[in-house]
C-alpha cells in the first residue's frame, strides 16, 4: 500500500508521488461525505497509520514532500498551524 512508502529513508520523489496519490484518493472519498456517509478511504488511511506518517513528513527536508504532507493535513484534518 502507498502508506508503506511514507518513510524518511525512501526517495523524496517517491514519497511526494505517494502523497499526491493519497491526496487524490482521499479527495475521491469526500464524495461519500456528500451522500451523508463517512470518507471510507480516510478511515482506512488512518487505520494504516497514515496520519502519523504524514505528520512526521512535515519535517522532511524536501519542500515537495513537506508541502504535499501539509496539503493532506490541512484538507482532511482540523489542525491549528502556528503563526
Protein backbone atom coordinates (compact mmCIF):
# COMPACT_ATOMS: atom_id res chain seq x y z
CA UNK A 1 0.00 0.00 0.00
CA UNK A 2 1.07 3.59 -0.52
CA UNK A 3 1.31 4.24 3.22
CA UNK A 4 4.26 1.84 3.45
CA UNK A 5 6.27 4.18 1.19
CA UNK A 6 5.86 7.14 3.56
CA UNK A 7 9.18 6.65 5.33
CA UNK A 8 12.03 9.14 5.65
CA UNK A 9 14.51 6.70 4.10
CA UNK A 10 12.51 6.45 0.86
CA UNK A 11 13.46 8.60 -2.10
CA UNK A 12 11.90 12.07 -1.77
CA UNK A 13 10.29 11.89 -5.22
CA UNK A 14 8.71 8.52 -4.37
CA UNK A 15 7.29 9.94 -1.15
CA UNK A 16 5.98 13.05 -2.94
CA UNK A 17 4.23 10.99 -5.62
CA UNK A 18 2.70 8.70 -2.99
CA UNK A 19 1.41 11.71 -1.06
CA UNK A 20 -0.14 13.11 -4.24
CA UNK A 21 -1.84 9.78 -4.93
CA UNK A 22 -3.10 9.52 -1.35
CA UNK A 23 -4.47 13.05 -1.54
CA UNK A 24 -6.35 12.18 -4.74
CA UNK A 25 -7.80 9.04 -3.18
CA UNK A 26 -8.90 10.95 -0.07
CA UNK A 27 -10.49 13.65 -2.24
CA UNK A 28 -12.42 10.94 -4.06
CA UNK A 29 -13.62 9.68 -0.67
CA UNK A 30 -15.22 13.05 0.03
CA UNK A 31 -17.96 12.01 -2.39
CA UNK A 32 -19.18 9.68 0.35
CA UNK A 33 -19.47 12.65 2.72
CA UNK A 34 -21.68 14.43 0.20
CA UNK A 35 -24.01 11.41 0.47
CA UNK A 36 -24.10 11.63 4.27
CA UNK A 37 -21.56 8.88 4.81
CA UNK A 38 -18.01 8.97 6.11
CA UNK A 39 -14.91 9.10 3.93
CA UNK A 40 -14.09 5.38 3.96
CA UNK A 41 -10.72 5.99 2.33
CA UNK A 42 -9.72 8.35 5.14
CA UNK A 43 -10.77 5.74 7.68
CA UNK A 44 -8.58 3.08 6.03
CA UNK A 45 -5.69 5.56 5.72
CA UNK A 46 -5.91 6.33 9.44
CA UNK A 47 -6.11 2.64 10.37
CA UNK A 48 -2.85 2.00 8.48
CA UNK A 49 -1.00 4.67 10.47
CA UNK A 50 -1.05 7.10 7.58
CA UNK A 51 -1.91 10.15 9.65
CA UNK A 52 1.10 9.74 11.92
CA UNK A 53 3.42 9.20 8.97
CA UNK A 54 2.15 12.30 7.18
CA UNK A 55 2.55 14.35 10.34
CA UNK A 56 6.20 13.27 10.56
CA UNK A 57 6.78 14.07 6.89
CA UNK A 58 6.10 17.74 7.59
CA UNK A 59 9.68 17.73 8.87
CA UNK A 60 11.14 16.21 5.68
CA UNK A 61 13.98 18.16 4.08
CA UNK A 62 12.26 18.08 0.67
CA UNK A 63 10.00 21.08 0.11
CA UNK A 64 7.79 18.99 -2.17
CA UNK A 65 7.30 16.26 0.46
CA UNK A 66 6.71 18.85 3.19
CA UNK A 67 4.17 20.69 1.02
CA UNK A 68 2.28 17.57 -0.02
CA UNK A 69 2.08 16.39 3.59
CA UNK A 70 0.79 19.77 4.68
CA UNK A 71 -1.91 19.76 1.99
CA UNK A 72 -3.26 16.44 3.29
CA UNK A 73 -3.26 17.60 6.89
CA UNK A 74 -4.89 20.94 6.11
CA UNK A 75 -7.50 19.39 3.83
CA UNK A 76 -8.63 16.38 5.84
CA UNK A 77 -7.87 17.27 9.47
CA UNK A 78 -8.69 20.13 11.79
CA UNK A 79 -5.25 21.39 12.63
CA UNK A 80 -4.02 24.62 14.11
CA UNK A 81 -0.82 25.75 12.49
CA UNK A 82 1.49 28.01 14.47
CA UNK A 83 1.71 31.54 13.14
